[in-house]
Amino acid sequence: MNDAPHPALLPTGMRDLLPPEAEVEAQVVARLMATLAAHGYERVKPPLVEFEETLFSGVGAAMAPATFRMMDPGSHRMIGVRADMTPQIARIAATRLGNVARPLRLSYAGQVLRVRGSEIRPERQIGQVGAELIGAGGPAADVEAIAVAGEALSSLGVPHLSVDITLPTLVPAVVEAYCICGDRAAALRAALDHKDAAAVAATAGEAGELLERLLAAAGPAEAALAALDQLDLPPQARAERLRLGAVLDGLKDAAPGLKVTADPVENRGFEYHTGISFTFFAGGAALRQSSGELGRGGRYQAGDPAAPEPATGFTLDTDTILRTLPEVMPQPRLLLPPGTGRARSAALREKGWITVAALDPAADWRAEARRLGCSHVLEDGAPRPLD
């Protein structure tokens, strides 16, 4: 019995990207990176693997459970395959670019690998495009990160684009003010994550009413902000609300067409974030074709934990973005019979044709063009459609 898998069979969460999707992905990455470059973000390219001590330092600690690890045959030290690129950019900024003037704007594109996927996102190899703004602590940096990410996605024609802003440090500020700790704090966090108002009321004690009203405040940004203004928030939580107001004011000018919502209690996926965070979504038919989540970002502490730098940034998932875009019509392909001159071929390509040179004679050039996936054939010196 032959137990060898079929050669087309891939591990769970992996897939081949075939024509024309592979070309579309390359174009999407190029357009996203062009937008980031236009805003002053300079591209860096970190390695696929690193020593686990550096990969898991600082913000990278959150990705340790998702990381493939192995022994490096050369150094006999443990290495990890990156599960996210943000920690690598933070390392580069703190070391190789430690003496470069701040704020530092860096961009990146590449593939990451994760131990497991999720029900919503079964993929384990994911394409990422992102940017990090390091060394800027004010609300203007938060505004820039959100606005630049929104512009990059809008340039692709993502339908019904919106951003949901979260405050992952707001609930911890309330919990600390009300001295909620240990198992009770963990149960409360789980109840908030599941938006379970009854469980919140049963767990939060005297903070219950405040936290229930925070749950109910989620929605359009201006309405959420107004709801927060009606609450008696502890001082640190009030500071988070003021920061949110400053960011929303900035976005009115920087991204006036962007739909903005706010969720004061959302925390899942933002465990290492230290301030304003955000998630981009596509809506309409695109939402039915995927989870709708195109990427996320937010504020964090970069560099050496003993001397961290304020930073914010975002990561966009190209796999999800591809599923939200309108179907791309294939570019016309033109079959060139043998004997077509080099100058003529070059002139056709300059006009935008994709040329496919026939290598052998054919009795029926139109049939041969169809066989090779071409939409046109060169007849009497001019491109002719097959249909």
Protein backbone atom coordinates (compact mmCIF):
# COMPACT_ATOMS: atom_id res chain seq x y z
CA MET A 1 0.00 0.00 0.00
CA ASN A 2 1.37 3.40 -0.99
CA ASP A 3 0.87 5.94 1.84
CA ALA A 4 2.55 8.80 0.00
CA PRO A 5 0.20 11.81 -0.28
CA HIS A 6 -0.93 13.10 -3.62
CA PRO A 7 1.65 15.64 -4.87
CA ALA A 8 -0.99 18.40 -4.92
CA LEU A 9 -1.96 17.77 -1.27
CA LEU A 10 -0.73 20.51 1.10
CA PRO A 11 -0.73 20.82 4.89
CA THR A 12 -3.85 22.29 6.47
CA GLY A 13 -3.93 26.05 6.11
CA MET A 14 -1.57 26.14 3.11
CA ARG A 15 -2.49 26.72 -0.52
CA ASP A 16 -1.02 27.37 -3.94
CA LEU A 17 -1.86 30.71 -5.51
CA LEU A 18 -2.39 30.15 -9.24
CA PRO A 19 -2.79 32.46 -12.24
CA PRO A 20 -4.24 35.04 -12.33
CA GLU A 21 -4.57 35.37 -8.52
CA ALA A 22 -0.81 35.29 -7.94
CA GLU A 23 -0.31 38.21 -10.32
CA VAL A 24 -3.22 40.12 -8.75
CA GLU A 25 -1.68 39.64 -5.31
CA ALA A 26 1.64 41.01 -6.54
CA GLN A 27 -0.13 44.07 -7.94
CA VAL A 28 -2.06 44.58 -4.69
CA VAL A 29 1.14 44.45 -2.65
CA ALA A 30 2.85 46.88 -5.04
CA ARG A 31 -0.01 49.39 -4.83
CA LEU A 32 -0.21 49.20 -1.04
CA MET A 33 3.54 49.70 -0.73
CA ALA A 34 3.44 52.60 -3.19
CA THR A 35 0.93 54.41 -0.97
CA LEU A 36 3.08 53.84 2.12
CA ALA A 37 6.18 55.05 0.28
CA ALA A 38 4.34 58.20 -0.83
CA HIS A 39 3.78 59.01 2.86
CA GLY A 40 7.45 58.65 3.72
CA TYR A 41 7.50 55.06 4.96
CA GLU A 42 10.78 53.41 3.97
CA ARG A 43 10.82 49.71 3.19
CA VAL A 44 12.76 47.17 5.23
CA LYS A 45 13.04 43.41 4.74
CA PRO A 46 13.57 41.30 7.86
CA PRO A 47 14.57 37.62 7.63
CA LEU A 48 12.07 34.76 7.62
CA VAL A 49 13.57 33.22 10.79
CA GLU A 50 15.27 34.63 13.87
CA PHE A 51 16.66 33.39 17.17
CA GLU A 52 13.67 32.92 19.44
CA GLU A 53 15.17 35.17 22.14
CA THR A 54 14.95 38.17 19.82
CA LEU A 55 11.76 37.09 18.05
CA PHE A 56 9.88 36.85 21.37
CA SER A 57 11.27 39.96 23.05
CA GLY A 58 9.07 42.97 23.68
CA VAL A 59 5.85 42.91 21.66
CA GLY A 60 6.93 39.59 20.10
CA ALA A 61 6.08 37.71 23.31
CA ALA A 62 2.40 37.74 22.34
CA MET A 63 3.16 35.71 19.19
CA ALA A 64 5.14 32.93 20.92
CA PRO A 65 2.23 30.42 21.01
CA ALA A 66 1.65 30.89 17.25
CA THR A 67 5.30 30.42 16.23
CA PHE A 68 6.93 27.42 14.57
CA ARG A 69 10.25 26.67 16.30
CA MET A 70 13.20 24.48 15.35
CA MET A 71 16.87 23.90 16.09
CA ASP A 72 19.28 25.85 13.88
CA PRO A 73 21.84 23.30 12.56
CA GLY A 74 24.47 26.03 12.30
CA SER A 75 24.36 27.65 15.74
CA HIS A 76 22.57 24.85 17.64
CA ARG A 77 20.23 27.49 19.04
CA MET A 78 16.45 27.58 18.82
CA ILE A 79 15.03 29.70 16.02
CA GLY A 80 11.48 30.65 15.11
CA VAL A 81 9.68 31.26 11.83
CA ARG A 82 8.05 34.66 12.10
CA ALA A 83 4.33 34.62 12.87
CA ASP A 84 4.03 38.40 12.60
CA MET A 85 6.37 41.05 11.20
CA THR A 86 5.72 43.91 13.64
CA PRO A 87 8.11 42.56 16.33
CA GLN A 88 10.85 42.29 13.70
CA ILE A 89 10.38 45.91 12.64
CA ALA A 90 10.51 46.99 16.29
CA ARG A 91 13.82 45.09 16.66
CA ILE A 92 15.30 46.71 13.56
CA ALA A 93 14.25 50.16 14.76
CA ALA A 94 15.83 49.64 18.18
CA THR A 95 19.11 48.13 16.91
CA ARG A 96 20.14 48.72 13.30
CA LEU A 97 18.26 52.02 13.11
CA GLY A 98 18.62 53.02 16.75
CA ASN A 99 20.48 56.23 15.91
CA VAL A 100 18.20 57.35 13.06
CA ALA A 101 16.12 60.47 13.72
CA ARG A 102 12.64 59.96 15.15
CA PRO A 103 9.85 59.66 14.32
CA LEU A 104 10.93 56.69 12.21
CA ARG A 105 8.61 55.52 9.42
CA LEU A 106 9.16 51.97 8.17
CA SER A 107 7.12 49.71 5.86
CA TYR A 108 7.30 46.02 5.00
CA ALA A 109 5.73 43.23 2.98
CA GLY A 110 6.16 39.47 3.28
CA GLN A 111 4.77 36.12 4.36
CA VAL A 112 4.28 34.87 7.93
CA LEU A 113 3.66 31.34 9.19
CA ARG A 114 1.53 30.33 12.17
CA VAL A 115 1.14 27.09 14.08
CA ARG A 116 -2.61 27.06 13.62
CA GLY A 117 -5.41 28.98 11.98
CA SER A 118 -8.85 29.76 13.35
CA GLU A 119 -12.42 28.89 12.43
CA ILE A 120 -12.83 32.23 10.70
CA ARG A 121 -9.31 32.27 9.20
CA PRO A 122 -8.01 28.74 8.60
CA GLU A 123 -4.93 29.98 6.69
CA ARG A 124 -1.61 29.46 8.43
CA GLN A 125 0.58 31.17 5.84
CA ILE A 126 -0.50 34.79 5.52
CA GLY A 127 0.70 37.68 3.39
CA GLN A 128 1.26 40.92 5.27
CA VAL A 129 1.81 44.53 4.26
CA GLY A 130 2.31 47.06 7.00
CA ALA A 131 3.87 50.19 8.41
CA GLU A 132 5.26 51.28 11.76
CA LEU A 133 5.59 54.85 13.06
CA ILE A 134 8.15 54.69 15.86
CA GLY A 135 9.13 57.43 18.29
CA ALA A 136 5.93 59.50 18.17
CA GLY A 137 3.62 59.44 21.18
CA GLY A 138 0.92 62.01 20.39
CA PRO A 139 -2.56 61.59 18.89
CA ALA A 140 -1.29 62.90 15.54
CA ALA A 141 0.64 59.65 15.09
CA ASP A 142 -2.52 57.60 15.74
CA VAL A 143 -4.37 59.72 13.19
CA GLU A 144 -1.62 59.24 10.61
CA ALA A 145 -1.53 55.46 11.02
CA ILE A 146 -5.30 55.13 10.58
CA ALA A 147 -5.50 57.61 7.70
CA VAL A 148 -2.57 56.12 5.75
CA ALA A 149 -3.93 52.57 6.13
CA GLY A 150 -7.35 53.77 5.00
CA GLU A 151 -5.88 55.53 1.98
CA ALA A 152 -3.90 52.42 1.01
CA LEU A 153 -7.02 50.23 1.15
CA SER A 154 -9.16 52.81 -0.66
CA SER A 155 -6.61 52.92 -3.49
CA LEU A 156 -7.44 49.27 -4.19
CA GLY A 157 -11.17 49.88 -4.40
CA VAL A 158 -12.05 47.96 -1.22
CA PRO A 159 -15.87 48.21 -0.94
CA HIS A 160 -17.65 49.74 2.06
CA LEU A 161 -14.42 50.40 3.95
CA SER A 162 -14.71 51.17 7.67
CA VAL A 163 -12.47 51.27 10.72
CA ASP A 164 -13.38 50.27 14.27
CA ILE A 165 -11.35 52.06 16.94
CA THR A 166 -10.78 50.35 20.28
CA LEU A 167 -9.35 51.38 23.64
CA PRO A 168 -7.71 48.22 25.02
CA THR A 169 -6.35 50.03 28.09
CA LEU A 170 -9.68 51.56 29.13
CA VAL A 171 -11.18 48.47 30.80
CA PRO A 172 -7.94 47.68 32.66
CA ALA A 173 -8.01 51.24 34.01
CA VAL A 174 -11.57 50.69 35.31
CA VAL A 175 -10.69 47.26 36.73
CA GLU A 176 -7.68 48.69 38.57
CA ALA A 177 -9.68 51.61 39.94
CA TYR A 178 -12.29 49.21 41.36
CA CYS A 179 -9.63 46.77 42.70
CA ILE A 180 -10.87 43.82 40.62
CA CYS A 181 -8.12 41.22 40.33
CA GLY A 182 -7.24 37.52 40.00
CA ASP A 183 -9.83 35.03 38.80
CA ARG A 184 -12.57 37.61 39.05
CA ALA A 185 -10.73 39.92 36.66
CA ALA A 186 -10.17 37.05 34.21
CA ALA A 187 -13.87 36.10 34.33
CA LEU A 188 -14.84 39.71 33.77
CA ARG A 189 -12.52 40.00 30.78
CA ALA A 190 -14.07 36.87 29.26
CA ALA A 191 -17.58 38.25 29.80
CA LEU A 192 -16.65 41.52 28.12
CA ASP A 193 -15.00 39.69 25.21
CA HIS A 194 -18.25 37.78 24.64
CA LYS A 195 -20.34 40.95 25.08
CA ASP A 196 -22.29 39.13 27.82
CA ALA A 197 -23.94 41.93 29.80
CA ALA A 198 -25.50 39.54 32.33
CA ALA A 199 -22.14 37.92 33.12
CA VAL A 200 -20.54 41.37 33.39
CA ALA A 201 -23.18 42.46 35.92
CA ALA A 202 -22.71 39.26 37.92
CA THR A 203 -18.92 39.56 38.01
CA ALA A 204 -18.10 43.25 38.18
CA GLY A 205 -19.72 44.15 41.50
CA GLU A 206 -19.97 47.90 42.04
CA ALA A 207 -18.28 48.49 38.65
CA GLY A 208 -21.05 46.56 36.92
CA GLU A 209 -23.23 49.50 35.87
CA LEU A 210 -20.25 51.41 34.47
CA LEU A 211 -18.99 48.42 32.48
CA GLU A 212 -22.47 47.62 31.16
CA ARG A 213 -22.77 51.18 29.89
CA LEU A 214 -19.32 50.87 28.30
CA LEU A 215 -20.57 47.74 26.50
CA ALA A 216 -23.62 49.63 25.26
CA ALA A 217 -21.51 52.56 24.04
CA ALA A 218 -20.11 50.65 21.05
CA GLY A 219 -21.26 52.03 17.71
CA PRO A 220 -20.72 55.04 15.42
CA ALA A 221 -17.74 56.96 16.74
CA GLU A 222 -19.45 60.24 17.56
CA ALA A 223 -22.28 58.46 19.40
CA ALA A 224 -19.80 56.31 21.31
CA LEU A 225 -17.86 59.41 22.32
CA ALA A 226 -21.04 61.10 23.52
CA ALA A 227 -21.95 57.99 25.54
CA LEU A 228 -18.52 57.97 27.18
CA ASP A 229 -18.98 61.61 28.16
CA GLN A 230 -22.02 60.62 30.23
CA LEU A 231 -19.98 58.23 32.37
CA ASP A 232 -18.07 58.88 35.58
CA LEU A 233 -14.80 57.35 34.43
CA PRO A 234 -11.72 56.91 36.63
CA PRO A 235 -8.91 59.38 35.81
CA GLN A 236 -6.85 57.04 33.62
CA ALA A 237 -9.95 55.87 31.72
CA ARG A 238 -10.95 59.53 31.25
CA ALA A 239 -7.54 60.17 29.70
CA GLU A 240 -8.22 57.40 27.19
CA ARG A 241 -11.56 59.01 26.29
CA LEU A 242 -9.83 62.36 25.71
CA ARG A 243 -7.29 60.66 23.46
CA LEU A 244 -10.10 59.07 21.47
CA GLY A 245 -11.71 62.48 21.00
CA ALA A 246 -8.46 63.98 19.73
CA VAL A 247 -7.99 61.12 17.25
CA LEU A 248 -11.55 61.41 15.95
CA ASP A 249 -11.12 65.15 15.47
CA GLY A 250 -7.93 64.51 13.51
CA LEU A 251 -9.56 61.90 11.30
CA LYS A 252 -12.28 64.36 10.26
CA ASP A 253 -9.60 66.26 8.40
CA ALA A 254 -7.16 63.45 7.49
CA ALA A 255 -9.74 60.88 6.32
CA PRO A 256 -13.12 62.62 5.92
CA GLY A 257 -14.67 59.84 3.83
CA LEU A 258 -13.75 56.99 6.18
CA LYS A 259 -16.58 55.40 8.17
CA VAL A 260 -15.48 55.22 11.82
CA THR A 261 -16.97 53.21 14.69
CA ALA A 262 -15.71 52.75 18.25
CA ASP A 263 -15.85 49.89 20.75
CA PRO A 264 -14.59 50.90 24.21
CA VAL A 265 -14.29 47.32 25.57
CA GLU A 266 -12.94 45.25 22.66
CA ASN A 267 -9.62 43.64 23.57
CA ARG A 268 -9.21 40.40 21.59
CA GLY A 269 -6.19 40.58 19.33
CA PHE A 270 -4.91 43.75 21.02
CA GLU A 271 -3.24 42.12 24.02
CA TYR A 272 0.10 43.91 23.60
CA HIS A 273 -1.36 47.27 22.58
CA THR A 274 -1.03 50.19 24.96
CA GLY A 275 -3.48 52.73 23.57
CA ILE A 276 -5.68 53.62 20.59
CA SER A 277 -6.01 50.53 18.37
CA PHE A 278 -8.07 49.83 15.28
CA THR A 279 -9.39 47.22 12.85
CA PHE A 280 -10.28 47.78 9.19
CA PHE A 281 -13.29 46.04 7.66
CA ALA A 282 -14.89 45.61 4.26
CA GLY A 283 -18.65 45.42 4.04
CA GLY A 284 -21.41 44.44 1.64
CA ALA A 285 -20.83 41.36 -0.51
CA ALA A 286 -17.16 41.37 0.51
CA LEU A 287 -18.17 40.70 4.11
CA ARG A 288 -20.04 37.56 3.05
CA GLN A 289 -16.99 36.24 1.18
CA SER A 290 -14.60 36.50 4.14
CA SER A 291 -14.41 37.57 7.76
CA GLY A 292 -14.35 41.13 6.43
CA GLU A 293 -11.35 42.00 8.64
CA LEU A 294 -8.63 43.41 6.42
CA GLY A 295 -6.03 44.21 9.05
CA ARG A 296 -5.44 45.87 12.36
CA GLY A 297 -3.03 48.05 14.25
CA GLY A 298 -2.53 50.35 17.16
CA ARG A 299 -0.24 51.79 19.76
CA TYR A 300 2.46 49.74 21.49
CA GLN A 301 5.87 50.04 23.15
CA ALA A 302 8.78 49.27 20.80
CA GLY A 303 12.40 48.46 21.51
CA ASP A 304 14.08 47.45 24.76
CA PRO A 305 11.44 46.89 27.50
CA ALA A 306 13.79 48.72 29.87
CA ALA A 307 13.77 51.82 27.65
CA PRO A 308 10.77 51.51 25.29
CA GLU A 309 9.79 53.93 22.54
CA PRO A 310 6.20 54.94 21.81
CA ALA A 311 5.05 53.45 18.52
CA THR A 312 1.97 52.83 16.44
CA GLY A 313 1.39 51.00 13.17
CA PHE A 314 -0.75 48.56 11.26
CA THR A 315 -0.64 45.25 9.43
CA LEU A 316 -2.89 44.49 6.44
CA ASP A 317 -3.58 40.89 5.39
CA THR A 318 -3.29 40.54 1.63
CA ASP A 319 -5.13 37.20 1.60
CA THR A 320 -8.28 38.77 3.02
CA ILE A 321 -7.95 41.89 0.89
CA LEU A 322 -7.89 39.77 -2.29
CA ARG A 323 -11.21 38.16 -1.34
CA THR A 324 -12.91 41.53 -0.91
CA LEU A 325 -11.86 43.07 -4.23
CA PRO A 326 -14.07 42.96 -7.33
CA GLU A 327 -13.21 40.16 -9.72
CA VAL A 328 -10.32 41.25 -11.89
CA MET A 329 -10.72 40.80 -15.63
CA PRO A 330 -7.70 39.05 -17.13
CA GLN A 331 -5.42 41.26 -19.20
CA PRO A 332 -5.58 40.51 -22.96
CA ARG A 333 -2.99 37.96 -24.08
CA LEU A 334 -1.81 37.99 -27.69
CA LEU A 335 -0.41 34.92 -29.48
CA LEU A 336 2.50 35.75 -31.79
CA PRO A 337 3.11 33.20 -34.60
CA PRO A 338 6.74 32.22 -35.33
CA GLY A 339 8.54 34.83 -37.41
CA THR A 340 7.07 37.83 -35.64
CA GLY A 341 9.95 40.28 -35.48
CA ARG A 342 11.52 41.36 -32.19
CA ALA A 343 10.79 45.04 -32.87
CA ARG A 344 7.13 44.30 -33.63
CA SER A 345 6.82 42.20 -30.43
CA ALA A 346 8.38 44.96 -28.35
CA ALA A 347 6.06 47.58 -29.87
CA LEU A 348 3.02 45.49 -28.98
CA ARG A 349 4.19 45.09 -25.37
CA GLU A 350 4.74 48.84 -25.12
CA LYS A 351 1.07 49.27 -26.05
CA GLY A 352 0.07 47.07 -23.10
CA TRP A 353 -0.28 43.65 -24.71
CA ILE A 354 0.89 40.50 -22.97
CA THR A 355 2.57 38.59 -25.78
CA VAL A 356 2.89 34.82 -25.93
CA ALA A 357 5.35 33.61 -28.58
CA ALA A 358 4.38 30.39 -30.37
CA LEU A 359 7.34 28.01 -30.50
CA ASP A 360 6.00 25.51 -33.05
CA PRO A 361 3.96 25.72 -36.28
CA ALA A 362 0.17 25.29 -36.05
CA ALA A 363 -2.48 24.52 -38.63
CA ASP A 364 -5.07 26.71 -36.92
CA TRP A 365 -3.64 29.69 -35.08
CA ARG A 366 -6.96 30.65 -33.51
CA ALA A 367 -7.34 27.19 -32.01
CA GLU A 368 -3.74 27.34 -30.82
CA ALA A 369 -4.39 30.73 -29.20
CA ARG A 370 -7.38 29.30 -27.32
CA ARG A 371 -5.32 26.29 -26.21
CA LEU A 372 -2.66 28.59 -24.74
CA GLY A 373 -5.18 30.82 -22.96
CA CYS A 374 -4.83 33.81 -25.27
CA SER A 375 -7.66 36.21 -26.05
CA HIS A 376 -6.15 37.50 -29.34
CA VAL A 377 -3.94 36.31 -32.17
CA LEU A 378 -1.67 38.33 -34.47
CA GLU A 379 -3.11 38.07 -37.99
CA ASP A 380 -1.90 40.10 -40.98
CA GLY A 381 0.29 42.10 -38.61
CA ALA A 382 -2.57 43.20 -36.32
CA PRO A 383 -4.11 41.79 -33.09
CA ARG A 384 -7.43 40.05 -33.77
CA PRO A 385 -9.88 38.91 -31.04
CA LEU A 386 -10.78 35.24 -31.03
CA ASP A 387 -14.48 35.90 -30.52
